[in-house]
Amino acid sequence: MTRRTDLTATELEVLRDVARGFNNIQIGLRQFRSTETVRTHTKNIFAKLRARNRAHAVAIAYDTGILHCQLPHLPLTQPIPARTPPPPCRRAAATSSTDRSAGRRSTPGGPR
């Protein structure tokens, strides 16, 4: 028996909400089930898919085709657009060392 036919309709519904990132309390509120019922369904999903945790169950579900991504994807062969180099940085005109030292007063014995 395949992994897809092992899951009941209720378990598929719970798995979809797990994939959306909802926790057991949120899933229970969305599906009008108790938290313990949702917990039991997730345990059954883990056992049937032989998953270690929620993320693993979702990964297996996408990998085996139980769940499908509804967002359109770019084809893998589409070239990555080239980046254009940033414009050159304009620096302020550098002042010479004589200009910088002209405003300072020299004190005997060096700086304080």
PDB file of N, CA and C in Angstrom:
ATOM      1  N   MET A   1       0.841  -1.179   0.000  1.00  0.00           N
ATOM      2  CA  MET A   1       0.000   0.000   0.000  1.00  0.00           C
ATOM      3  C   MET A   1       0.888   1.246   0.000  1.00  0.00           C
ATOM      4  N   THR A   2       0.498   2.257  -0.768  1.00  0.00           N
ATOM      5  CA  THR A   2       1.309   3.460  -0.832  1.00  0.00           C
ATOM      6  C   THR A   2       1.027   4.352   0.361  1.00  0.00           C
ATOM      7  N   ARG A   3       1.925   5.264   0.562  1.00  0.00           N
ATOM      8  CA  ARG A   3       1.757   6.195   1.684  1.00  0.00           C
ATOM      9  C   ARG A   3       0.544   7.084   1.494  1.00  0.00           C
ATOM     10  N   ARG A   4       0.191   7.369   0.261  1.00  0.00           N
ATOM     11  CA  ARG A   4      -0.934   8.263  -0.001  1.00  0.00           C
ATOM     12  C   ARG A   4      -2.259   7.639   0.429  1.00  0.00           C
ATOM     13  N   THR A   5      -2.472   6.373   0.155  1.00  0.00           N
ATOM     14  CA  THR A   5      -3.749   5.746   0.476  1.00  0.00           C
ATOM     15  C   THR A   5      -3.855   5.381   1.944  1.00  0.00           C
ATOM     16  N   ASP A   6      -2.758   5.406   2.667  1.00  0.00           N
ATOM     17  CA  ASP A   6      -2.801   5.087   4.085  1.00  0.00           C
ATOM     18  C   ASP A   6      -3.502   6.158   4.900  1.00  0.00           C
ATOM     19  N   LEU A   7      -3.424   7.417   4.482  1.00  0.00           N
ATOM     20  CA  LEU A   7      -3.978   8.520   5.270  1.00  0.00           C
ATOM     21  C   LEU A   7      -5.470   8.677   5.019  1.00  0.00           C
ATOM     22  N   THR A   8      -6.207   8.882   6.090  1.00  0.00           N
ATOM     23  CA  THR A   8      -7.644   9.141   5.965  1.00  0.00           C
ATOM     24  C   THR A   8      -7.863  10.582   5.522  1.00  0.00           C
ATOM     25  N   ALA A   9      -9.101  10.904   5.183  1.00  0.00           N
ATOM     26  CA  ALA A   9      -9.424  12.273   4.762  1.00  0.00           C
ATOM     27  C   ALA A   9      -9.166  13.262   5.898  1.00  0.00           C
ATOM     28  N   THR A  10      -9.492  12.860   7.114  1.00  0.00           N
ATOM     29  CA  THR A  10      -9.261  13.732   8.265  1.00  0.00           C
ATOM     30  C   THR A  10      -7.775  13.942   8.492  1.00  0.00           C
ATOM     31  N   GLU A  11      -6.987  12.877   8.362  1.00  0.00           N
ATOM     32  CA  GLU A  11      -5.537  13.004   8.539  1.00  0.00           C
ATOM     33  C   GLU A  11      -4.936  13.885   7.456  1.00  0.00           C
ATOM     34  N   LEU A  12      -5.446  13.797   6.225  1.00  0.00           N
ATOM     35  CA  LEU A  12      -4.972  14.690   5.158  1.00  0.00           C
ATOM     36  C   LEU A  12      -5.284  16.151   5.486  1.00  0.00           C
ATOM     37  N   GLU A  13      -6.459  16.377   6.032  1.00  0.00           N
ATOM     38  CA  GLU A  13      -6.840  17.737   6.406  1.00  0.00           C
ATOM     39  C   GLU A  13      -5.931  18.270   7.513  1.00  0.00           C
ATOM     40  N   VAL A  14      -5.634  17.430   8.494  1.00  0.00           N
ATOM     41  CA  VAL A  14      -4.725  17.827   9.572  1.00  0.00           C
ATOM     42  C   VAL A  14      -3.325  18.061   9.012  1.00  0.00           C
ATOM     43  N   LEU A  15      -2.886  17.189   8.112  1.00  0.00           N
ATOM     44  CA  LEU A  15      -1.553  17.332   7.519  1.00  0.00           C
ATOM     45  C   LEU A  15      -1.433  18.625   6.724  1.00  0.00           C
ATOM     46  N   ARG A  16      -2.471  19.011   6.026  1.00  0.00           N
ATOM     47  CA  ARG A  16      -2.445  20.286   5.284  1.00  0.00           C
ATOM     48  C   ARG A  16      -2.267  21.468   6.236  1.00  0.00           C
ATOM     49  N   ASP A  17      -2.965  21.422   7.364  1.00  0.00           N
ATOM     50  CA  ASP A  17      -2.819  22.514   8.325  1.00  0.00           C
ATOM     51  C   ASP A  17      -1.459  22.479   9.020  1.00  0.00           C
ATOM     52  N   VAL A  18      -0.912  21.294   9.228  1.00  0.00           N
ATOM     53  CA  VAL A  18       0.451  21.177   9.774  1.00  0.00           C
ATOM     54  C   VAL A  18       1.427  21.808   8.791  1.00  0.00           C
ATOM     55  N   ALA A  19       1.225  21.551   7.500  1.00  0.00           N
ATOM     56  CA  ALA A  19       2.102  22.114   6.472  1.00  0.00           C
ATOM     57  C   ALA A  19       1.979  23.635   6.409  1.00  0.00           C
ATOM     58  N   ARG A  20       0.826  24.165   6.771  1.00  0.00           N
ATOM     59  CA  ARG A  20       0.642  25.623   6.790  1.00  0.00           C
ATOM     60  C   ARG A  20       1.266  26.264   8.020  1.00  0.00           C
ATOM     61  N   GLY A  21       1.748  25.442   8.960  1.00  0.00           N
ATOM     62  CA  GLY A  21       2.450  25.966  10.114  1.00  0.00           C
ATOM     63  C   GLY A  21       1.601  26.139  11.356  1.00  0.00           C
ATOM     64  N   PHE A  22       0.389  25.610  11.357  1.00  0.00           N
ATOM     65  CA  PHE A  22      -0.476  25.747  12.523  1.00  0.00           C
ATOM     66  C   PHE A  22      -0.092  24.732  13.594  1.00  0.00           C
ATOM     67  N   ASN A  23      -0.265  25.113  14.859  1.00  0.00           N
ATOM     68  CA  ASN A  23      -0.036  24.163  15.947  1.00  0.00           C
ATOM     69  C   ASN A  23      -1.338  23.423  16.232  1.00  0.00           C
ATOM     70  N   ASN A  24      -1.299  22.463  17.162  1.00  0.00           N
ATOM     71  CA  ASN A  24      -2.462  21.612  17.420  1.00  0.00           C
ATOM     72  C   ASN A  24      -3.676  22.409  17.886  1.00  0.00           C
ATOM     73  N   ILE A  25      -3.463  23.422  18.696  1.00  0.00           N
ATOM     74  CA  ILE A  25      -4.583  24.237  19.178  1.00  0.00           C
ATOM     75  C   ILE A  25      -5.243  24.971  18.015  1.00  0.00           C
ATOM     76  N   GLN A  26      -4.426  25.581  17.151  1.00  0.00           N
ATOM     77  CA  GLN A  26      -4.961  26.305  16.006  1.00  0.00           C
ATOM     78  C   GLN A  26      -5.687  25.371  15.040  1.00  0.00           C
ATOM     79  N   ILE A  27      -5.132  24.184  14.821  1.00  0.00           N
ATOM     80  CA  ILE A  27      -5.778  23.218  13.937  1.00  0.00           C
ATOM     81  C   ILE A  27      -7.119  22.796  14.528  1.00  0.00           C
ATOM     82  N   GLY A  28      -7.145  22.552  15.830  1.00  0.00           N
ATOM     83  CA  GLY A  28      -8.394  22.181  16.481  1.00  0.00           C
ATOM     84  C   GLY A  28      -9.462  23.253  16.342  1.00  0.00           C
ATOM     85  N   LEU A  29      -9.071  24.505  16.488  1.00  0.00           N
ATOM     86  CA  LEU A  29     -10.029  25.605  16.344  1.00  0.00           C
ATOM     87  C   LEU A  29     -10.519  25.724  14.902  1.00  0.00           C
ATOM     88  N   ARG A  30      -9.636  25.526  13.946  1.00  0.00           N
ATOM     89  CA  ARG A  30     -10.006  25.625  12.529  1.00  0.00           C
ATOM     90  C   ARG A  30     -10.923  24.487  12.100  1.00  0.00           C
ATOM     91  N   GLN A  31     -10.667  23.292  12.636  1.00  0.00           N
ATOM     92  CA  GLN A  31     -11.403  22.109  12.185  1.00  0.00           C
ATOM     93  C   GLN A  31     -12.494  21.672  13.167  1.00  0.00           C
ATOM     94  N   PHE A  32     -12.712  22.442  14.203  1.00  0.00           N
ATOM     95  CA  PHE A  32     -13.722  22.129  15.214  1.00  0.00           C
ATOM     96  C   PHE A  32     -13.492  20.743  15.828  1.00  0.00           C
ATOM     97  N   ARG A  33     -12.246  20.495  16.216  1.00  0.00           N
ATOM     98  CA  ARG A  33     -11.867  19.251  16.871  1.00  0.00           C
ATOM     99  C   ARG A  33     -11.141  19.613  18.169  1.00  0.00           C
ATOM    100  N   SER A  34     -11.101  18.670  19.082  1.00  0.00           N
ATOM    101  CA  SER A  34     -10.363  18.928  20.314  1.00  0.00           C
ATOM    102  C   SER A  34      -8.866  18.826  20.029  1.00  0.00           C
ATOM    103  N   THR A  35      -8.087  19.433  20.887  1.00  0.00           N
ATOM    104  CA  THR A  35      -6.632  19.394  20.738  1.00  0.00           C
ATOM    105  C   THR A  35      -6.111  17.965  20.825  1.00  0.00           C
ATOM    106  N   GLU A  36      -6.703  17.167  21.701  1.00  0.00           N
ATOM    107  CA  GLU A  36      -6.269  15.771  21.842  1.00  0.00           C
ATOM    108  C   GLU A  36      -6.582  14.958  20.592  1.00  0.00           C
ATOM    109  N   THR A  37      -7.698  15.249  19.930  1.00  0.00           N
ATOM    110  CA  THR A  37      -8.029  14.556  18.687  1.00  0.00           C
ATOM    111  C   THR A  37      -7.013  14.911  17.605  1.00  0.00           C
ATOM    112  N   VAL A  38      -6.666  16.181  17.523  1.00  0.00           N
ATOM    113  CA  VAL A  38      -5.659  16.612  16.542  1.00  0.00           C
ATOM    114  C   VAL A  38      -4.321  15.953  16.855  1.00  0.00           C
ATOM    115  N   ARG A  39      -3.985  15.876  18.129  1.00  0.00           N
ATOM    116  CA  ARG A  39      -2.733  15.231  18.550  1.00  0.00           C
ATOM    117  C   ARG A  39      -2.726  13.761  18.135  1.00  0.00           C
ATOM    118  N   THR A  40      -3.847  13.078  18.293  1.00  0.00           N
ATOM    119  CA  THR A  40      -3.942  11.676  17.891  1.00  0.00           C
ATOM    120  C   THR A  40      -3.779  11.538  16.375  1.00  0.00           C
ATOM    121  N   HIS A  41      -4.411  12.440  15.631  1.00  0.00           N
ATOM    122  CA  HIS A  41      -4.273  12.388  14.169  1.00  0.00           C
ATOM    123  C   HIS A  41      -2.821  12.619  13.743  1.00  0.00           C
ATOM    124  N   THR A  42      -2.138  13.574  14.383  1.00  0.00           N
ATOM    125  CA  THR A  42      -0.736  13.812  14.009  1.00  0.00           C
ATOM    126  C   THR A  42       0.133  12.609  14.362  1.00  0.00           C
ATOM    127  N   LYS A  43      -0.136  11.957  15.477  1.00  0.00           N
ATOM    128  CA  LYS A  43       0.616  10.738  15.810  1.00  0.00           C
ATOM    129  C   LYS A  43       0.389   9.655  14.762  1.00  0.00           C
ATOM    130  N   ASN A  44      -0.866   9.509  14.302  1.00  0.00           N
ATOM    131  CA  ASN A  44      -1.161   8.522  13.269  1.00  0.00           C
ATOM    132  C   ASN A  44      -0.463   8.869  11.952  1.00  0.00           C
ATOM    133  N   ILE A  45      -0.419  10.160  11.639  1.00  0.00           N
ATOM    134  CA  ILE A  45       0.275  10.608  10.420  1.00  0.00           C
ATOM    135  C   ILE A  45       1.756  10.264  10.509  1.00  0.00           C
ATOM    136  N   PHE A  46       2.372  10.557  11.662  1.00  0.00           N
ATOM    137  CA  PHE A  46       3.799  10.250  11.843  1.00  0.00           C
ATOM    138  C   PHE A  46       4.056   8.756  11.676  1.00  0.00           C
ATOM    139  N   ALA A  47       3.188   7.934  12.242  1.00  0.00           N
ATOM    140  CA  ALA A  47       3.376   6.488  12.157  1.00  0.00           C
ATOM    141  C   ALA A  47       3.206   5.986  10.725  1.00  0.00           C
ATOM    142  N   LYS A  48       2.186   6.471  10.036  1.00  0.00           N
ATOM    143  CA  LYS A  48       1.915   6.003   8.677  1.00  0.00           C
ATOM    144  C   LYS A  48       2.983   6.461   7.689  1.00  0.00           C
ATOM    145  N   LEU A  49       3.495   7.685   7.881  1.00  0.00           N
ATOM    146  CA  LEU A  49       4.538   8.198   6.980  1.00  0.00           C
ATOM    147  C   LEU A  49       5.944   7.856   7.455  1.00  0.00           C
ATOM    148  N   ARG A  50       6.024   7.254   8.634  1.00  0.00           N
ATOM    149  CA  ARG A  50       7.312   6.947   9.273  1.00  0.00           C
ATOM    150  C   ARG A  50       8.144   8.225   9.430  1.00  0.00           C
ATOM    151  N   ALA A  51       7.481   9.269   9.912  1.00  0.00           N
ATOM    152  CA  ALA A  51       8.120  10.577  10.093  1.00  0.00           C
ATOM    153  C   ALA A  51       8.539  10.752  11.546  1.00  0.00           C
ATOM    154  N   ARG A  52       9.612  11.498  11.732  1.00  0.00           N
ATOM    155  CA  ARG A  52      10.135  11.744  13.082  1.00  0.00           C
ATOM    156  C   ARG A  52       9.455  12.923  13.766  1.00  0.00           C
ATOM    157  N   ASN A  53       9.033  13.908  12.973  1.00  0.00           N
ATOM    158  CA  ASN A  53       8.415  15.106  13.543  1.00  0.00           C
ATOM    159  C   ASN A  53       7.542  15.773  12.478  1.00  0.00           C
ATOM    160  N   ARG A  54       6.989  16.916  12.814  1.00  0.00           N
ATOM    161  CA  ARG A  54       6.061  17.603  11.914  1.00  0.00           C
ATOM    162  C   ARG A  54       6.729  18.002  10.601  1.00  0.00           C
ATOM    163  N   ALA A  55       7.918  18.558  10.700  1.00  0.00           N
ATOM    164  CA  ALA A  55       8.629  19.002   9.496  1.00  0.00           C
ATOM    165  C   ALA A  55       8.950  17.817   8.593  1.00  0.00           C
ATOM    166  N   HIS A  56       9.346  16.705   9.198  1.00  0.00           N
ATOM    167  CA  HIS A  56       9.660  15.513   8.422  1.00  0.00           C
ATOM    168  C   HIS A  56       8.402  14.981   7.731  1.00  0.00           C
ATOM    169  N   ALA A  57       7.274  15.002   8.423  1.00  0.00           N
ATOM    170  CA  ALA A  57       6.012  14.542   7.833  1.00  0.00           C
ATOM    171  C   ALA A  57       5.627  15.405   6.635  1.00  0.00           C
ATOM    172  N   VAL A  58       5.791  16.714   6.766  1.00  0.00           N
ATOM    173  CA  VAL A  58       5.462  17.614   5.661  1.00  0.00           C
ATOM    174  C   VAL A  58       6.416  17.384   4.487  1.00  0.00           C
ATOM    175  N   ALA A  59       7.699  17.197   4.774  1.00  0.00           N
ATOM    176  CA  ALA A  59       8.671  16.939   3.704  1.00  0.00           C
ATOM    177  C   ALA A  59       8.334  15.643   2.965  1.00  0.00           C
ATOM    178  N   ILE A  60       7.985  14.608   3.698  1.00  0.00           N
ATOM    179  CA  ILE A  60       7.607  13.337   3.071  1.00  0.00           C
ATOM    180  C   ILE A  60       6.344  13.525   2.232  1.00  0.00           C
ATOM    181  N   ALA A  61       5.389  14.288   2.750  1.00  0.00           N
ATOM    182  CA  ALA A  61       4.135  14.506   2.038  1.00  0.00           C
ATOM    183  C   ALA A  61       4.358  15.225   0.707  1.00  0.00           C
ATOM    184  N   TYR A  62       5.217  16.220   0.693  1.00  0.00           N
ATOM    185  CA  TYR A  62       5.524  16.905  -0.565  1.00  0.00           C
ATOM    186  C   TYR A  62       6.340  16.010  -1.487  1.00  0.00           C
ATOM    187  N   ASP A  63       7.272  15.263  -0.925  1.00  0.00           N
ATOM    188  CA  ASP A  63       8.144  14.405  -1.731  1.00  0.00           C
ATOM    189  C   ASP A  63       7.368  13.276  -2.401  1.00  0.00           C
ATOM    190  N   THR A  64       6.383  12.717  -1.711  1.00  0.00           N
ATOM    191  CA  THR A  64       5.623  11.596  -2.260  1.00  0.00           C
ATOM    192  C   THR A  64       4.402  12.046  -3.058  1.00  0.00           C
ATOM    193  N   GLY A  65       4.097  13.342  -3.065  1.00  0.00           N
ATOM    194  CA  GLY A  65       2.973  13.833  -3.842  1.00  0.00           C
ATOM    195  C   GLY A  65       1.669  13.877  -3.082  1.00  0.00           C
ATOM    196  N   ILE A  66       1.703  13.615  -1.784  1.00  0.00           N
ATOM    197  CA  ILE A  66       0.479  13.702  -0.986  1.00  0.00           C
ATOM    198  C   ILE A  66       0.004  15.151  -0.942  1.00  0.00           C
ATOM    199  N   LEU A  67       0.927  16.071  -0.769  1.00  0.00           N
ATOM    200  CA  LEU A  67       0.634  17.506  -0.794  1.00  0.00           C
ATOM    201  C   LEU A  67       1.296  18.117  -2.017  1.00  0.00           C
ATOM    202  N   HIS A  68       0.652  19.141  -2.559  1.00  0.00           N
ATOM    203  CA  HIS A  68       1.188  19.858  -3.717  1.00  0.00           C
ATOM    204  C   HIS A  68       1.258  21.337  -3.381  1.00  0.00           C
ATOM    205  N   CYS A  69       2.317  21.979  -3.851  1.00  0.00           N
ATOM    206  CA  CYS A  69       2.454  23.419  -3.658  1.00  0.00           C
ATOM    207  C   CYS A  69       1.540  24.114  -4.654  1.00  0.00           C
ATOM    208  N   GLN A  70       0.742  25.055  -4.179  1.00  0.00           N
ATOM    209  CA  GLN A  70      -0.204  25.744  -5.045  1.00  0.00           C
ATOM    210  C   GLN A  70       0.374  27.010  -5.666  1.00  0.00           C
ATOM    211  N   LEU A  71       1.571  27.385  -5.272  1.00  0.00           N
ATOM    212  CA  LEU A  71       2.192  28.579  -5.836  1.00  0.00           C
ATOM    213  C   LEU A  71       2.913  28.218  -7.123  1.00  0.00           C
ATOM    214  N   PRO A  72       2.853  29.074  -8.133  1.00  0.00           N
ATOM    215  CA  PRO A  72       3.584  28.780  -9.364  1.00  0.00           C
ATOM    216  C   PRO A  72       5.091  28.897  -9.129  1.00  0.00           C
ATOM    217  N   HIS A  73       5.819  28.032  -9.747  1.00  0.00           N
ATOM    218  CA  HIS A  73       7.273  28.036  -9.618  1.00  0.00           C
ATOM    219  C   HIS A  73       7.923  28.447 -10.929  1.00  0.00           C
ATOM    220  N   LEU A  74       9.073  29.046 -10.820  1.00  0.00           N
ATOM    221  CA  LEU A  74       9.846  29.353 -12.006  1.00  0.00           C
ATOM    222  C   LEU A  74      10.488  28.075 -12.515  1.00  0.00           C
ATOM    223  N   PRO A  75      10.620  27.925 -13.810  1.00  0.00           N
ATOM    224  CA  PRO A  75      11.304  26.730 -14.309  1.00  0.00           C
ATOM    225  C   PRO A  75      12.758  26.725 -13.854  1.00  0.00           C
ATOM    226  N   LEU A  76      13.285  25.543 -13.632  1.00  0.00           N
ATOM    227  CA  LEU A  76      14.656  25.429 -13.149  1.00  0.00           C
ATOM    228  C   LEU A  76      15.676  25.864 -14.183  1.00  0.00           C
ATOM    229  N   THR A  77      15.284  25.888 -15.457  1.00  0.00           N
ATOM    230  CA  THR A  77      16.230  26.243 -16.513  1.00  0.00           C
ATOM    231  C   THR A  77      16.281  27.741 -16.796  1.00  0.00           C
ATOM    232  N   GLN A  78      15.485  28.536 -16.107  1.00  0.00           N
ATOM    233  CA  GLN A  78      15.478  29.969 -16.347  1.00  0.00           C
ATOM    234  C   GLN A  78      16.802  30.564 -15.886  1.00  0.00           C
ATOM    235  N   PRO A  79      17.469  31.359 -16.738  1.00  0.00           N
ATOM    236  CA  PRO A  79      18.757  31.927 -16.337  1.00  0.00           C
ATOM    237  C   PRO A  79      18.589  32.960 -15.235  1.00  0.00           C
ATOM    238  N   ILE A  80      19.594  33.041 -14.420  1.00  0.00           N
ATOM    239  CA  ILE A  80      19.616  34.037 -13.358  1.00  0.00           C
ATOM    240  C   ILE A  80      20.042  35.362 -13.972  1.00  0.00           C
ATOM    241  N   PRO A  81      19.285  36.443 -13.743  1.00  0.00           N
ATOM    242  CA  PRO A  81      19.655  37.721 -14.358  1.00  0.00           C
ATOM    243  C   PRO A  81      20.996  38.225 -13.834  1.00  0.00           C
ATOM    244  N   ALA A  82      21.764  38.848 -14.739  1.00  0.00           N
ATOM    245  CA  ALA A  82      23.080  39.377 -14.365  1.00  0.00           C
ATOM    246  C   ALA A  82      22.901  40.619 -13.514  1.00  0.00           C
ATOM    247  N   ARG A  83      23.771  40.752 -12.546  1.00  0.00           N
ATOM    248  CA  ARG A  83      23.730  41.941 -11.690  1.00  0.00           C
ATOM    249  C   ARG A  83      24.506  43.060 -12.357  1.00  0.00           C
ATOM    250  N   THR A  84      23.973  44.241 -12.257  1.00  0.00           N
ATOM    251  CA  THR A  84      24.698  45.392 -12.799  1.00  0.00           C
ATOM    252  C   THR A  84      25.583  45.947 -11.694  1.00  0.00           C
ATOM    253  N   PRO A  85      26.786  46.381 -12.046  1.00  0.00           N
ATOM    254  CA  PRO A  85      27.678  46.906 -11.011  1.00  0.00           C
ATOM    255  C   PRO A  85      27.129  48.216 -10.457  1.00  0.00           C
ATOM    256  N   PRO A  86      27.404  48.495  -9.194  1.00  0.00           N
ATOM    257  CA  PRO A  86      26.920  49.751  -8.611  1.00  0.00           C
ATOM    258  C   PRO A  86      27.647  50.930  -9.234  1.00  0.00           C
ATOM    259  N   PRO A  87      27.040  52.110  -9.202  1.00  0.00           N
ATOM    260  CA  PRO A  87      27.702  53.285  -9.775  1.00  0.00           C
ATOM    261  C   PRO A  87      28.948  53.625  -8.952  1.00  0.00           C
ATOM    262  N   PRO A  88      29.940  54.247  -9.621  1.00  0.00           N
ATOM    263  CA  PRO A  88      31.168  54.587  -8.883  1.00  0.00           C
ATOM    264  C   PRO A  88      30.877  55.589  -7.773  1.00  0.00           C
ATOM    265  N   CYS A  89      31.600  55.443  -6.704  1.00  0.00           N
ATOM    266  CA  CYS A  89      31.420  56.309  -5.536  1.00  0.00           C
ATOM    267  C   CYS A  89      32.171  57.617  -5.775  1.00  0.00           C
ATOM    268  N   ARG A  90      31.517  58.728  -5.523  1.00  0.00           N
ATOM    269  CA  ARG A  90      32.168  60.026  -5.667  1.00  0.00           C
ATOM    270  C   ARG A  90      32.726  60.408  -4.316  1.00  0.00           C
ATOM    271  N   ARG A  91      33.996  60.635  -4.286  1.00  0.00           N
ATOM    272  CA  ARG A  91      34.645  61.039  -3.039  1.00  0.00           C
ATOM    273  C   ARG A  91      34.844  62.547  -3.041  1.00  0.00           C
ATOM    274  N   ALA A  92      34.783  63.124  -1.871  1.00  0.00           N
ATOM    275  CA  ALA A  92      35.049  64.560  -1.739  1.00  0.00           C
ATOM    276  C   ALA A  92      36.528  64.799  -2.002  1.00  0.00           C
ATOM    277  N   ALA A  93      36.815  65.961  -2.478  1.00  0.00           N
ATOM    278  CA  ALA A  93      38.210  66.283  -2.762  1.00  0.00           C
ATOM    279  C   ALA A  93      39.023  66.192  -1.471  1.00  0.00           C
ATOM    280  N   ALA A  94      40.095  65.441  -1.529  1.00  0.00           N
ATOM    281  CA  ALA A  94      40.929  65.258  -0.338  1.00  0.00           C
ATOM    282  C   ALA A  94      41.708  66.522  -0.058  1.00  0.00           C
ATOM    283  N   THR A  95      41.813  66.844   1.202  1.00  0.00           N
ATOM    284  CA  THR A  95      42.590  68.023   1.581  1.00  0.00           C
ATOM    285  C   THR A  95      44.018  67.587   1.842  1.00  0.00           C
ATOM    286  N   SER A  96      44.929  68.461   1.585  1.00  0.00           N
ATOM    287  CA  SER A  96      46.338  68.108   1.775  1.00  0.00           C
ATOM    288  C   SER A  96      46.691  68.175   3.248  1.00  0.00           C
ATOM    289  N   SER A  97      47.796  67.564   3.622  1.00  0.00           N
ATOM    290  CA  SER A  97      48.198  67.525   5.023  1.00  0.00           C
ATOM    291  C   SER A  97      48.562  68.922   5.534  1.00  0.00           C
ATOM    292  N   THR A  98      49.017  69.815   4.641  1.00  0.00           N
ATOM    293  CA  THR A  98      49.363  71.164   5.100  1.00  0.00           C
ATOM    294  C   THR A  98      48.110  71.947   5.439  1.00  0.00           C
ATOM    295  N   ASP A  99      47.025  71.691   4.705  1.00  0.00           N
ATOM    296  CA  ASP A  99      45.782  72.392   4.991  1.00  0.00           C
ATOM    297  C   ASP A  99      45.211  71.948   6.336  1.00  0.00           C
ATOM    298  N   ARG A 100      45.327  70.651   6.631  1.00  0.00           N
ATOM    299  CA  ARG A 100      44.765  70.144   7.873  1.00  0.00           C
ATOM    300  C   ARG A 100      45.547  70.640   9.087  1.00  0.00           C
ATOM    301  N   SER A 101      46.835  70.769   8.953  1.00  0.00           N
ATOM    302  CA  SER A 101      47.634  71.162  10.111  1.00  0.00           C
ATOM    303  C   SER A 101      47.668  72.672  10.300  1.00  0.00           C
ATOM    304  N   ALA A 102      47.184  73.452   9.335  1.00  0.00           N
ATOM    305  CA  ALA A 102      47.261  74.907   9.439  1.00  0.00           C
ATOM    306  C   ALA A 102      46.382  75.431  10.567  1.00  0.00           C
ATOM    307  N   GLY A 103      45.296  74.783  10.845  1.00  0.00           N
ATOM    308  CA  GLY A 103      44.398  75.268  11.869  1.00  0.00           C
ATOM    309  C   GLY A 103      44.785  74.861  13.273  1.00  0.00           C
ATOM    310  N   ARG A 104      45.763  73.991  13.431  1.00  0.00           N
ATOM    311  CA  ARG A 104      46.146  73.523  14.750  1.00  0.00           C
ATOM    312  C   ARG A 104      47.271  74.365  15.323  1.00  0.00           C
ATOM    313  N   ARG A 105      47.276  74.471  16.624  1.00  0.00           N
ATOM    314  CA  ARG A 105      48.373  75.182  17.291  1.00  0.00           C
ATOM    315  C   ARG A 105      49.282  74.151  17.872  1.00  0.00           C
ATOM    316  N   SER A 106      50.523  74.344  17.728  1.00  0.00           N
ATOM    317  CA  SER A 106      51.473  73.402  18.320  1.00  0.00           C
ATOM    318  C   SER A 106      51.792  73.857  19.726  1.00  0.00           C
ATOM    319  N   THR A 107      51.845  72.908  20.623  1.00  0.00           N
ATOM    320  CA  THR A 107      52.150  73.217  22.002  1.00  0.00           C
ATOM    321  C   THR A 107      53.495  72.567  22.331  1.00  0.00           C
ATOM    322  N   PRO A 108      54.260  73.224  23.194  1.00  0.00           N
ATOM    323  CA  PRO A 108      55.538  72.622  23.545  1.00  0.00           C
ATOM    324  C   PRO A 108      55.305  71.356  24.382  1.00  0.00           C
ATOM    325  N   GLY A 109      56.075  70.327  24.123  1.00  0.00           N
ATOM    326  CA  GLY A 109      55.980  69.084  24.853  1.00  0.00           C
ATOM    327  C   GLY A 109      55.023  68.092  24.241  1.00  0.00           C
ATOM    328  N   GLY A 110      54.464  68.395  23.093  1.00  0.00           N
ATOM    329  CA  GLY A 110      53.594  67.435  22.415  1.00  0.00           C
ATOM    330  C   GLY A 110      52.142  67.547  22.833  1.00  0.00           C
ATOM    331  N   PRO A 111      51.354  66.662  22.368  1.00  0.00           N
ATOM    332  CA  PRO A 111      49.912  66.704  22.684  1.00  0.00           C
ATOM    333  C   PRO A 111      49.631  66.343  24.138  1.00  0.00           C
ATOM    334  N   ARG A 112      48.583  66.871  24.643  1.00  0.00           N
ATOM    335  CA  ARG A 112      48.227  66.632  26.045  1.00  0.00           C
ATOM    336  C   ARG A 112      47.504  65.353  26.218  1.00  0.00           C
TER     337      ARG A 112
END
